[in-house]
Amino acid sequence: MARKYEMVHINKAIYVGNYLEDGLTNNRRKHNIASPIGCMHRAEEFMESDLKTRYRVKGGLQYIVYGRFAGVKVVDLIRKSRHKVLATVCTPGGLFLHSRWSKAQ
């Protein structure tokens, strides 16, 4: 959003809450896997060239992982990506993570 809109950050607490043992933070991956297409598109935004390399690589890995959870073939993920080289480079690691995360489910 910061690229598209002018934004202001105000460092002031607007809400204070407590973590629940079974809350969103502990179940983030589970919820992301339940919405893989949205997470895949979000990950591709982090692959943009104006971001630091570490964020681009993380985005590339997540793009492959969530794309596979969405049932998209790797070939199609790479073909549809705006960042084909990065998606290709991140494919082995993304498939490894997908395998690990699938077993953990």
PDB file of N, CA and C in Angstrom:
ATOM      1  N   MET A   1       0.813  -1.196   0.000  1.00  0.00           N
ATOM      2  CA  MET A   1       0.000   0.000   0.000  1.00  0.00           C
ATOM      3  C   MET A   1       0.852   1.254   0.000  1.00  0.00           C
ATOM      4  N   ALA A   2       2.024   1.177   0.607  1.00  0.00           N
ATOM      5  CA  ALA A   2       2.862   2.368   0.734  1.00  0.00           C
ATOM      6  C   ALA A   2       3.327   2.878  -0.624  1.00  0.00           C
ATOM      7  N   ARG A   3       3.412   1.999  -1.618  1.00  0.00           N
ATOM      8  CA  ARG A   3       3.817   2.450  -2.952  1.00  0.00           C
ATOM      9  C   ARG A   3       2.684   3.181  -3.652  1.00  0.00           C
ATOM     10  N   LYS A   4       1.459   2.791  -3.349  1.00  0.00           N
ATOM     11  CA  LYS A   4       0.304   3.303  -4.073  1.00  0.00           C
ATOM     12  C   LYS A   4      -0.296   4.558  -3.432  1.00  0.00           C
ATOM     13  N   TYR A   5      -0.172   4.699  -2.123  1.00  0.00           N
ATOM     14  CA  TYR A   5      -0.809   5.799  -1.405  1.00  0.00           C
ATOM     15  C   TYR A   5       0.207   6.527  -0.535  1.00  0.00           C
ATOM     16  N   GLU A   6      -0.052   7.792  -0.270  1.00  0.00           N
ATOM     17  CA  GLU A   6       0.750   8.508   0.719  1.00  0.00           C
ATOM     18  C   GLU A   6       0.230   8.092   2.088  1.00  0.00           C
ATOM     19  N   MET A   7       1.147   7.703   2.958  1.00  0.00           N
ATOM     20  CA  MET A   7       0.742   7.206   4.261  1.00  0.00           C
ATOM     21  C   MET A   7       1.458   7.966   5.365  1.00  0.00           C
ATOM     22  N   VAL A   8       0.838   7.988   6.530  1.00  0.00           N
ATOM     23  CA  VAL A   8       1.420   8.622   7.707  1.00  0.00           C
ATOM     24  C   VAL A   8       1.453   7.579   8.818  1.00  0.00           C
ATOM     25  N   HIS A   9       2.576   7.509   9.507  1.00  0.00           N
ATOM     26  CA  HIS A   9       2.694   6.601  10.647  1.00  0.00           C
ATOM     27  C   HIS A   9       2.685   7.441  11.915  1.00  0.00           C
ATOM     28  N   ILE A  10       1.742   7.154  12.805  1.00  0.00           N
ATOM     29  CA  ILE A  10       1.662   7.847  14.088  1.00  0.00           C
ATOM     30  C   ILE A  10       1.938   6.811  15.169  1.00  0.00           C
ATOM     31  N   ASN A  11       3.018   6.997  15.903  1.00  0.00           N
ATOM     32  CA  ASN A  11       3.450   6.031  16.903  1.00  0.00           C
ATOM     33  C   ASN A  11       2.678   6.248  18.205  1.00  0.00           C
ATOM     34  N   LYS A  12       1.427   5.794  18.211  1.00  0.00           N
ATOM     35  CA  LYS A  12       0.578   5.952  19.384  1.00  0.00           C
ATOM     36  C   LYS A  12      -0.307   4.704  19.492  1.00  0.00           C
ATOM     37  N   ALA A  13      -0.361   4.139  20.685  1.00  0.00           N
ATOM     38  CA  ALA A  13      -1.171   2.936  20.892  1.00  0.00           C
ATOM     39  C   ALA A  13      -2.648   3.274  20.741  1.00  0.00           C
ATOM     40  N   ILE A  14      -3.351   2.459  19.973  1.00  0.00           N
ATOM     41  CA  ILE A  14      -4.794   2.645  19.834  1.00  0.00           C
ATOM     42  C   ILE A  14      -5.556   1.460  20.423  1.00  0.00           C
ATOM     43  N   TYR A  15      -4.807   0.397  20.766  1.00  0.00           N
ATOM     44  CA  TYR A  15      -5.451  -0.797  21.288  1.00  0.00           C
ATOM     45  C   TYR A  15      -4.417  -1.616  22.053  1.00  0.00           C
ATOM     46  N   VAL A  16      -4.810  -2.178  23.172  1.00  0.00           N
ATOM     47  CA  VAL A  16      -3.940  -3.062  23.938  1.00  0.00           C
ATOM     48  C   VAL A  16      -4.713  -4.361  24.154  1.00  0.00           C
ATOM     49  N   GLY A  17      -4.074  -5.466  23.838  1.00  0.00           N
ATOM     50  CA  GLY A  17      -4.747  -6.752  23.989  1.00  0.00           C
ATOM     51  C   GLY A  17      -3.778  -7.814  24.459  1.00  0.00           C
ATOM     52  N   ASN A  18      -4.310  -8.966  24.740  1.00  0.00           N
ATOM     53  CA  ASN A  18      -3.499 -10.099  25.176  1.00  0.00           C
ATOM     54  C   ASN A  18      -3.529 -11.199  24.126  1.00  0.00           C
ATOM     55  N   TYR A  19      -2.467 -11.989  24.096  1.00  0.00           N
ATOM     56  CA  TYR A  19      -2.413 -13.132  23.199  1.00  0.00           C
ATOM     57  C   TYR A  19      -3.215 -14.280  23.789  1.00  0.00           C
ATOM     58  N   LEU A  20      -3.914 -14.987  22.939  1.00  0.00           N
ATOM     59  CA  LEU A  20      -4.603 -16.201  23.337  1.00  0.00           C
ATOM     60  C   LEU A  20      -3.755 -17.385  22.904  1.00  0.00           C
ATOM     61  N   GLU A  21      -3.745 -18.439  23.690  1.00  0.00           N
ATOM     62  CA  GLU A  21      -2.941 -19.609  23.336  1.00  0.00           C
ATOM     63  C   GLU A  21      -3.310 -20.158  21.968  1.00  0.00           C
ATOM     64  N   ASP A  22      -4.578 -20.122  21.647  1.00  0.00           N
ATOM     65  CA  ASP A  22      -5.046 -20.668  20.373  1.00  0.00           C
ATOM     66  C   ASP A  22      -5.397 -19.546  19.393  1.00  0.00           C
ATOM     67  N   GLY A  23      -4.757 -18.392  19.541  1.00  0.00           N
ATOM     68  CA  GLY A  23      -5.104 -17.220  18.747  1.00  0.00           C
ATOM     69  C   GLY A  23      -4.483 -17.187  17.362  1.00  0.00           C
ATOM     70  N   LEU A  24      -4.668 -16.053  16.686  1.00  0.00           N
ATOM     71  CA  LEU A  24      -4.203 -15.881  15.311  1.00  0.00           C
ATOM     72  C   LEU A  24      -2.694 -16.021  15.168  1.00  0.00           C
ATOM     73  N   THR A  25      -1.936 -15.485  16.106  1.00  0.00           N
ATOM     74  CA  THR A  25      -0.479 -15.522  15.987  1.00  0.00           C
ATOM     75  C   THR A  25       0.032 -16.955  15.949  1.00  0.00           C
ATOM     76  N   ASN A  26      -0.486 -17.794  16.822  1.00  0.00           N
ATOM     77  CA  ASN A  26      -0.047 -19.194  16.860  1.00  0.00           C
ATOM     78  C   ASN A  26      -0.556 -20.005  15.673  1.00  0.00           C
ATOM     79  N   ASN A  27      -1.607 -19.536  15.026  1.00  0.00           N
ATOM     80  CA  ASN A  27      -2.214 -20.286  13.926  1.00  0.00           C
ATOM     81  C   ASN A  27      -2.088 -19.571  12.586  1.00  0.00           C
ATOM     82  N   ARG A  28      -1.148 -18.635  12.482  1.00  0.00           N
ATOM     83  CA  ARG A  28      -1.019 -17.828  11.265  1.00  0.00           C
ATOM     84  C   ARG A  28      -0.803 -18.686  10.025  1.00  0.00           C
ATOM     85  N   ARG A  29       0.125 -19.629  10.083  1.00  0.00           N
ATOM     86  CA  ARG A  29       0.405 -20.466   8.911  1.00  0.00           C
ATOM     87  C   ARG A  29      -0.832 -21.261   8.510  1.00  0.00           C
ATOM     88  N   LYS A  30      -1.535 -21.802   9.499  1.00  0.00           N
ATOM     89  CA  LYS A  30      -2.754 -22.567   9.226  1.00  0.00           C
ATOM     90  C   LYS A  30      -3.775 -21.703   8.488  1.00  0.00           C
ATOM     91  N   HIS A  31      -3.949 -20.473   8.937  1.00  0.00           N
ATOM     92  CA  HIS A  31      -4.897 -19.562   8.290  1.00  0.00           C
ATOM     93  C   HIS A  31      -4.415 -19.162   6.898  1.00  0.00           C
ATOM     94  N   ASN A  32      -3.118 -18.957   6.736  1.00  0.00           N
ATOM     95  CA  ASN A  32      -2.568 -18.618   5.421  1.00  0.00           C
ATOM     96  C   ASN A  32      -2.775 -19.763   4.435  1.00  0.00           C
ATOM     97  N   ILE A  33      -2.564 -20.983   4.890  1.00  0.00           N
ATOM     98  CA  ILE A  33      -2.743 -22.144   4.019  1.00  0.00           C
ATOM     99  C   ILE A  33      -4.211 -22.294   3.632  1.00  0.00           C
ATOM    100  N   ALA A  34      -5.111 -21.869   4.509  1.00  0.00           N
ATOM    101  CA  ALA A  34      -6.540 -21.919   4.201  1.00  0.00           C
ATOM    102  C   ALA A  34      -6.931 -20.881   3.150  1.00  0.00           C
ATOM    103  N   SER A  35      -6.076 -19.892   2.917  1.00  0.00           N
ATOM    104  CA  SER A  35      -6.327 -18.855   1.911  1.00  0.00           C
ATOM    105  C   SER A  35      -5.092 -18.707   1.015  1.00  0.00           C
ATOM    106  N   PRO A  36      -4.740 -19.770   0.281  1.00  0.00           N
ATOM    107  CA  PRO A  36      -3.464 -19.766  -0.433  1.00  0.00           C
ATOM    108  C   PRO A  36      -3.385 -18.795  -1.605  1.00  0.00           C
ATOM    109  N   ILE A  37      -4.490 -18.542  -2.277  1.00  0.00           N
ATOM    110  CA  ILE A  37      -4.431 -17.652  -3.444  1.00  0.00           C
ATOM    111  C   ILE A  37      -4.139 -16.224  -3.008  1.00  0.00           C
ATOM    112  N   GLY A  38      -4.799 -15.769  -1.962  1.00  0.00           N
ATOM    113  CA  GLY A  38      -4.516 -14.433  -1.440  1.00  0.00           C
ATOM    114  C   GLY A  38      -3.078 -14.312  -0.972  1.00  0.00           C
ATOM    115  N   CYS A  39      -2.582 -15.344  -0.292  1.00  0.00           N
ATOM    116  CA  CYS A  39      -1.193 -15.328   0.187  1.00  0.00           C
ATOM    117  C   CYS A  39      -0.206 -15.379  -0.970  1.00  0.00           C
ATOM    118  N   MET A  40      -0.568 -16.077  -2.034  1.00  0.00           N
ATOM    119  CA  MET A  40       0.288 -16.148  -3.218  1.00  0.00           C
ATOM    120  C   MET A  40       0.414 -14.760  -3.855  1.00  0.00           C
ATOM    121  N   HIS A  41      -0.698 -14.045  -3.979  1.00  0.00           N
ATOM    122  CA  HIS A  41      -0.664 -12.695  -4.559  1.00  0.00           C
ATOM    123  C   HIS A  41       0.085 -11.724  -3.649  1.00  0.00           C
ATOM    124  N   ARG A  42      -0.112 -11.863  -2.348  1.00  0.00           N
ATOM    125  CA  ARG A  42       0.615 -11.012  -1.399  1.00  0.00           C
ATOM    126  C   ARG A  42       2.115 -11.267  -1.511  1.00  0.00           C
ATOM    127  N   ALA A  43       2.499 -12.536  -1.607  1.00  0.00           N
ATOM    128  CA  ALA A  43       3.917 -12.889  -1.718  1.00  0.00           C
ATOM    129  C   ALA A  43       4.528 -12.295  -2.977  1.00  0.00           C
ATOM    130  N   GLU A  44       3.772 -12.280  -4.065  1.00  0.00           N
ATOM    131  CA  GLU A  44       4.320 -11.736  -5.312  1.00  0.00           C
ATOM    132  C   GLU A  44       4.586 -10.239  -5.195  1.00  0.00           C
ATOM    133  N   GLU A  45       3.821  -9.543  -4.382  1.00  0.00           N
ATOM    134  CA  GLU A  45       4.087  -8.114  -4.157  1.00  0.00           C
ATOM    135  C   GLU A  45       5.450  -7.911  -3.491  1.00  0.00           C
ATOM    136  N   PHE A  46       5.849  -8.871  -2.671  1.00  0.00           N
ATOM    137  CA  PHE A  46       7.148  -8.775  -1.999  1.00  0.00           C
ATOM    138  C   PHE A  46       8.305  -9.161  -2.915  1.00  0.00           C
ATOM    139  N   MET A  47       8.010  -9.565  -4.123  1.00  0.00           N
ATOM    140  CA  MET A  47       9.053  -9.914  -5.086  1.00  0.00           C
ATOM    141  C   MET A  47       9.474  -8.713  -5.941  1.00  0.00           C
ATOM    142  N   GLU A  48       8.865  -7.565  -5.725  1.00  0.00           N
ATOM    143  CA  GLU A  48       9.158  -6.373  -6.531  1.00  0.00           C
ATOM    144  C   GLU A  48      10.611  -5.939  -6.363  1.00  0.00           C
ATOM    145  N   SER A  49      11.179  -5.412  -7.428  1.00  0.00           N
ATOM    146  CA  SER A  49      12.618  -5.106  -7.471  1.00  0.00           C
ATOM    147  C   SER A  49      13.038  -3.939  -6.581  1.00  0.00           C
ATOM    148  N   ASP A  50      12.094  -3.126  -6.113  1.00  0.00           N
ATOM    149  CA  ASP A  50      12.484  -2.000  -5.264  1.00  0.00           C
ATOM    150  C   ASP A  50      12.641  -2.393  -3.794  1.00  0.00           C
ATOM    151  N   LEU A  51      12.431  -3.657  -3.478  1.00  0.00           N
ATOM    152  CA  LEU A  51      12.586  -4.130  -2.100  1.00  0.00           C
ATOM    153  C   LEU A  51      13.955  -4.774  -1.911  1.00  0.00           C
ATOM    154  N   LYS A  52      14.353  -4.913  -0.653  1.00  0.00           N
ATOM    155  CA  LYS A  52      15.626  -5.569  -0.346  1.00  0.00           C
ATOM    156  C   LYS A  52      15.582  -7.027  -0.795  1.00  0.00           C
ATOM    157  N   THR A  53      16.742  -7.546  -1.150  1.00  0.00           N
ATOM    158  CA  THR A  53      16.851  -8.909  -1.672  1.00  0.00           C
ATOM    159  C   THR A  53      16.260  -9.940  -0.716  1.00  0.00           C
ATOM    160  N   ARG A  54      16.493  -9.797   0.571  1.00  0.00           N
ATOM    161  CA  ARG A  54      15.985 -10.792   1.527  1.00  0.00           C
ATOM    162  C   ARG A  54      14.462 -10.867   1.510  1.00  0.00           C
ATOM    163  N   TYR A  55      13.780  -9.721   1.321  1.00  0.00           N
ATOM    164  CA  TYR A  55      12.319  -9.720   1.249  1.00  0.00           C
ATOM    165  C   TYR A  55      11.839 -10.297  -0.075  1.00  0.00           C
ATOM    166  N   ARG A  56      12.598 -10.039  -1.135  1.00  0.00           N
ATOM    167  CA  ARG A  56      12.248 -10.572  -2.451  1.00  0.00           C
ATOM    168  C   ARG A  56      12.355 -12.098  -2.455  1.00  0.00           C
ATOM    169  N   VAL A  57      13.417 -12.622  -1.847  1.00  0.00           N
ATOM    170  CA  VAL A  57      13.595 -14.081  -1.791  1.00  0.00           C
ATOM    171  C   VAL A  57      12.508 -14.711  -0.924  1.00  0.00           C
ATOM    172  N   LYS A  58      12.230 -14.109   0.220  1.00  0.00           N
ATOM    173  CA  LYS A  58      11.164 -14.628   1.080  1.00  0.00           C
ATOM    174  C   LYS A  58       9.833 -14.618   0.327  1.00  0.00           C
ATOM    175  N   GLY A  59       9.562 -13.546  -0.402  1.00  0.00           N
ATOM    176  CA  GLY A  59       8.348 -13.473  -1.210  1.00  0.00           C
ATOM    177  C   GLY A  59       8.317 -14.554  -2.275  1.00  0.00           C
ATOM    178  N   GLY A  60       9.465 -14.803  -2.912  1.00  0.00           N
ATOM    179  CA  GLY A  60       9.539 -15.846  -3.932  1.00  0.00           C
ATOM    180  C   GLY A  60       9.269 -17.227  -3.363  1.00  0.00           C
ATOM    181  N   LEU A  61       9.825 -17.501  -2.205  1.00  0.00           N
ATOM    182  CA  LEU A  61       9.583 -18.789  -1.546  1.00  0.00           C
ATOM    183  C   LEU A  61       8.107 -18.944  -1.189  1.00  0.00           C
ATOM    184  N   GLN A  62       7.533 -17.895  -0.614  1.00  0.00           N
ATOM    185  CA  GLN A  62       6.121 -17.951  -0.241  1.00  0.00           C
ATOM    186  C   GLN A  62       5.221 -18.062  -1.469  1.00  0.00           C
ATOM    187  N   TYR A  63       5.605 -17.410  -2.553  1.00  0.00           N
ATOM    188  CA  TYR A  63       4.834 -17.489  -3.796  1.00  0.00           C
ATOM    189  C   TYR A  63       4.732 -18.945  -4.261  1.00  0.00           C
ATOM    190  N   ILE A  64       5.845 -19.655  -4.231  1.00  0.00           N
ATOM    191  CA  ILE A  64       5.847 -21.065  -4.636  1.00  0.00           C
ATOM    192  C   ILE A  64       5.061 -21.913  -3.635  1.00  0.00           C
ATOM    193  N   VAL A  65       5.308 -21.711  -2.349  1.00  0.00           N
ATOM    194  CA  VAL A  65       4.634 -22.505  -1.311  1.00  0.00           C
ATOM    195  C   VAL A  65       3.120 -22.354  -1.405  1.00  0.00           C
ATOM    196  N   TYR A  66       2.631 -21.123  -1.371  1.00  0.00           N
ATOM    197  CA  TYR A  66       1.182 -20.920  -1.366  1.00  0.00           C
ATOM    198  C   TYR A  66       0.558 -21.244  -2.716  1.00  0.00           C
ATOM    199  N   GLY A  67       1.306 -21.062  -3.787  1.00  0.00           N
ATOM    200  CA  GLY A  67       0.819 -21.481  -5.097  1.00  0.00           C
ATOM    201  C   GLY A  67       0.584 -22.980  -5.150  1.00  0.00           C
ATOM    202  N   ARG A  68       1.499 -23.743  -4.558  1.00  0.00           N
ATOM    203  CA  ARG A  68       1.329 -25.199  -4.504  1.00  0.00           C
ATOM    204  C   ARG A  68       0.155 -25.579  -3.606  1.00  0.00           C
ATOM    205  N   PHE A  69      -0.019 -24.878  -2.477  1.00  0.00           N
ATOM    206  CA  PHE A  69      -1.181 -25.159  -1.629  1.00  0.00           C
ATOM    207  C   PHE A  69      -2.483 -24.834  -2.362  1.00  0.00           C
ATOM    208  N   ALA A  70      -2.426 -23.891  -3.299  1.00  0.00           N
ATOM    209  CA  ALA A  70      -3.599 -23.546  -4.109  1.00  0.00           C
ATOM    210  C   ALA A  70      -3.816 -24.547  -5.238  1.00  0.00           C
ATOM    211  N   GLY A  71      -2.875 -25.483  -5.412  1.00  0.00           N
ATOM    212  CA  GLY A  71      -3.013 -26.496  -6.443  1.00  0.00           C
ATOM    213  C   GLY A  71      -2.510 -26.064  -7.813  1.00  0.00           C
ATOM    214  N   VAL A  72      -1.754 -24.975  -7.866  1.00  0.00           N
ATOM    215  CA  VAL A  72      -1.207 -24.484  -9.134  1.00  0.00           C
ATOM    216  C   VAL A  72       0.106 -25.209  -9.412  1.00  0.00           C
ATOM    217  N   LYS A  73       0.277 -25.670 -10.633  1.00  0.00           N
ATOM    218  CA  LYS A  73       1.517 -26.349 -11.013  1.00  0.00           C
ATOM    219  C   LYS A  73       2.668 -25.350 -11.022  1.00  0.00           C
ATOM    220  N   VAL A  74       3.862 -25.826 -10.690  1.00  0.00           N
ATOM    221  CA  VAL A  74       5.044 -24.961 -10.633  1.00  0.00           C
ATOM    222  C   VAL A  74       5.273 -24.264 -11.973  1.00  0.00           C
ATOM    223  N   VAL A  75       5.115 -24.992 -13.057  1.00  0.00           N
ATOM    224  CA  VAL A  75       5.305 -24.411 -14.392  1.00  0.00           C
ATOM    225  C   VAL A  75       4.359 -23.229 -14.591  1.00  0.00           C
ATOM    226  N   ASP A  76       3.118 -23.375 -14.149  1.00  0.00           N
ATOM    227  CA  ASP A  76       2.143 -22.292 -14.292  1.00  0.00           C
ATOM    228  C   ASP A  76       2.463 -21.123 -13.366  1.00  0.00           C
ATOM    229  N   LEU A  77       2.962 -21.423 -12.167  1.00  0.00           N
ATOM    230  CA  LEU A  77       3.359 -20.348 -11.252  1.00  0.00           C
ATOM    231  C   LEU A  77       4.446 -19.487 -11.880  1.00  0.00           C
ATOM    232  N   ILE A  78       5.440 -20.135 -12.441  1.00  0.00           N
ATOM    233  CA  ILE A  78       6.545 -19.393 -13.062  1.00  0.00           C
ATOM    234  C   ILE A  78       6.045 -18.625 -14.278  1.00  0.00           C
ATOM    235  N   ARG A  79       5.229 -19.272 -15.092  1.00  0.00           N
ATOM    236  CA  ARG A  79       4.717 -18.635 -16.308  1.00  0.00           C
ATOM    237  C   ARG A  79       3.876 -17.397 -15.990  1.00  0.00           C
ATOM    238  N   LYS A  80       3.072 -17.459 -14.927  1.00  0.00           N
ATOM    239  CA  LYS A  80       2.181 -16.351 -14.573  1.00  0.00           C
ATOM    240  C   LYS A  80       2.873 -15.252 -13.770  1.00  0.00           C
ATOM    241  N   SER A  81       4.021 -15.536 -13.214  1.00  0.00           N
ATOM    242  CA  SER A  81       4.707 -14.572 -12.349  1.00  0.00           C
ATOM    243  C   SER A  81       5.263 -13.395 -13.142  1.00  0.00           C
ATOM    244  N   ARG A  82       5.228 -12.218 -12.530  1.00  0.00           N
ATOM    245  CA  ARG A  82       5.866 -11.033 -13.118  1.00  0.00           C
ATOM    246  C   ARG A  82       7.374 -11.089 -12.892  1.00  0.00           C
ATOM    247  N   HIS A  83       7.825 -12.031 -12.084  1.00  0.00           N
ATOM    248  CA  HIS A  83       9.239 -12.146 -11.705  1.00  0.00           C
ATOM    249  C   HIS A  83       9.701 -13.580 -11.967  1.00  0.00           C
ATOM    250  N   LYS A  84       9.728 -13.950 -13.226  1.00  0.00           N
ATOM    251  CA  LYS A  84       9.990 -15.334 -13.622  1.00  0.00           C
ATOM    252  C   LYS A  84      11.337 -15.873 -13.138  1.00  0.00           C
ATOM    253  N   VAL A  85      12.386 -15.061 -13.233  1.00  0.00           N
ATOM    254  CA  VAL A  85      13.714 -15.525 -12.809  1.00  0.00           C
ATOM    255  C   VAL A  85      13.721 -15.803 -11.310  1.00  0.00           C
ATOM    256  N   LEU A  86      13.196 -14.873 -10.529  1.00  0.00           N
ATOM    257  CA  LEU A  86      13.159 -15.053  -9.076  1.00  0.00           C
ATOM    258  C   LEU A  86      12.291 -16.251  -8.701  1.00  0.00           C
ATOM    259  N   ALA A  87      11.150 -16.403  -9.348  1.00  0.00           N
ATOM    260  CA  ALA A  87      10.277 -17.551  -9.066  1.00  0.00           C
ATOM    261  C   ALA A  87      10.993 -18.860  -9.391  1.00  0.00           C
ATOM    262  N   THR A  88      11.738 -18.878 -10.489  1.00  0.00           N
ATOM    263  CA  THR A  88      12.478 -20.082 -10.873  1.00  0.00           C
ATOM    264  C   THR A  88      13.561 -20.413  -9.851  1.00  0.00           C
ATOM    265  N   VAL A  89      14.304 -19.401  -9.431  1.00  0.00           N
ATOM    266  CA  VAL A  89      15.377 -19.604  -8.447  1.00  0.00           C
ATOM    267  C   VAL A  89      14.811 -20.089  -7.113  1.00  0.00           C
ATOM    268  N   CYS A  90      13.642 -19.611  -6.748  1.00  0.00           N
ATOM    269  CA  CYS A  90      13.043 -19.963  -5.454  1.00  0.00           C
ATOM    270  C   CYS A  90      12.267 -21.281  -5.484  1.00  0.00           C
ATOM    271  N   THR A  91      12.125 -21.880  -6.647  1.00  0.00           N
ATOM    272  CA  THR A  91      11.328 -23.105  -6.760  1.00  0.00           C
ATOM    273  C   THR A  91      11.834 -24.256  -5.887  1.00  0.00           C
ATOM    274  N   PRO A  92      13.117 -24.625  -5.922  1.00  0.00           N
ATOM    275  CA  PRO A  92      13.544 -25.761  -5.073  1.00  0.00           C
ATOM    276  C   PRO A  92      13.271 -25.524  -3.583  1.00  0.00           C
ATOM    277  N   GLY A  93      13.613 -24.352  -3.088  1.00  0.00           N
ATOM    278  CA  GLY A  93      13.368 -24.042  -1.678  1.00  0.00           C
ATOM    279  C   GLY A  93      11.888 -23.984  -1.359  1.00  0.00           C
ATOM    280  N   GLY A  94      11.101 -23.425  -2.269  1.00  0.00           N
ATOM    281  CA  GLY A  94       9.658 -23.348  -2.070  1.00  0.00           C
ATOM    282  C   GLY A  94       9.012 -24.719  -2.019  1.00  0.00           C
ATOM    283  N   LEU A  95       9.465 -25.616  -2.886  1.00  0.00           N
ATOM    284  CA  LEU A  95       8.928 -26.982  -2.872  1.00  0.00           C
ATOM    285  C   LEU A  95       9.329 -27.722  -1.597  1.00  0.00           C
ATOM    286  N   PHE A  96      10.543 -27.471  -1.127  1.00  0.00           N
ATOM    287  CA  PHE A  96      10.989 -28.070   0.135  1.00  0.00           C
ATOM    288  C   PHE A  96      10.107 -27.584   1.291  1.00  0.00           C
ATOM    289  N   LEU A  97       9.874 -26.273   1.364  1.00  0.00           N
ATOM    290  CA  LEU A  97       9.021 -25.728   2.427  1.00  0.00           C
ATOM    291  C   LEU A  97       7.596 -26.260   2.316  1.00  0.00           C
ATOM    292  N   HIS A  98       7.078 -26.337   1.110  1.00  0.00           N
ATOM    293  CA  HIS A  98       5.726 -26.863   0.904  1.00  0.00           C
ATOM    294  C   HIS A  98       5.619 -28.287   1.445  1.00  0.00           C
ATOM    295  N   SER A  99       6.641 -29.083   1.177  1.00  0.00           N
ATOM    296  CA  SER A  99       6.664 -30.463   1.667  1.00  0.00           C
ATOM    297  C   SER A  99       6.672 -30.503   3.196  1.00  0.00           C
ATOM    298  N   ARG A 100       7.515 -29.688   3.808  1.00  0.00           N
ATOM    299  CA  ARG A 100       7.607 -29.649   5.282  1.00  0.00           C
ATOM    300  C   ARG A 100       6.303 -29.161   5.896  1.00  0.00           C
ATOM    301  N   TRP A 101       5.745 -28.086   5.329  1.00  0.00           N
ATOM    302  CA  TRP A 101       4.521 -27.522   5.889  1.00  0.00           C
ATOM    303  C   TRP A 101       3.338 -28.467   5.690  1.00  0.00           C
ATOM    304  N   SER A 102       3.335 -29.215   4.591  1.00  0.00           N
ATOM    305  CA  SER A 102       2.253 -30.179   4.344  1.00  0.00           C
ATOM    306  C   SER A 102       2.263 -31.280   5.394  1.00  0.00           C
ATOM    307  N   LYS A 103       3.451 -31.737   5.753  1.00  0.00           N
ATOM    308  CA  LYS A 103       3.577 -32.796   6.762  1.00  0.00           C
ATOM    309  C   LYS A 103       3.163 -32.300   8.138  1.00  0.00           C
ATOM    310  N   ALA A 104       3.381 -31.027   8.406  1.00  0.00           N
ATOM    311  CA  ALA A 104       3.059 -30.454   9.717  1.00  0.00           C
ATOM    312  C   ALA A 104       1.560 -30.239   9.892  1.00  0.00           C
ATOM    313  N   GLN A 105       0.824 -30.257   8.807  1.00  0.00           N
ATOM    314  CA  GLN A 105      -0.621 -30.026   8.886  1.00  0.00           C
ATOM    315  C   GLN A 105      -1.287 -31.207   9.475  1.00  0.00           C
TER     316      GLN A 105
END
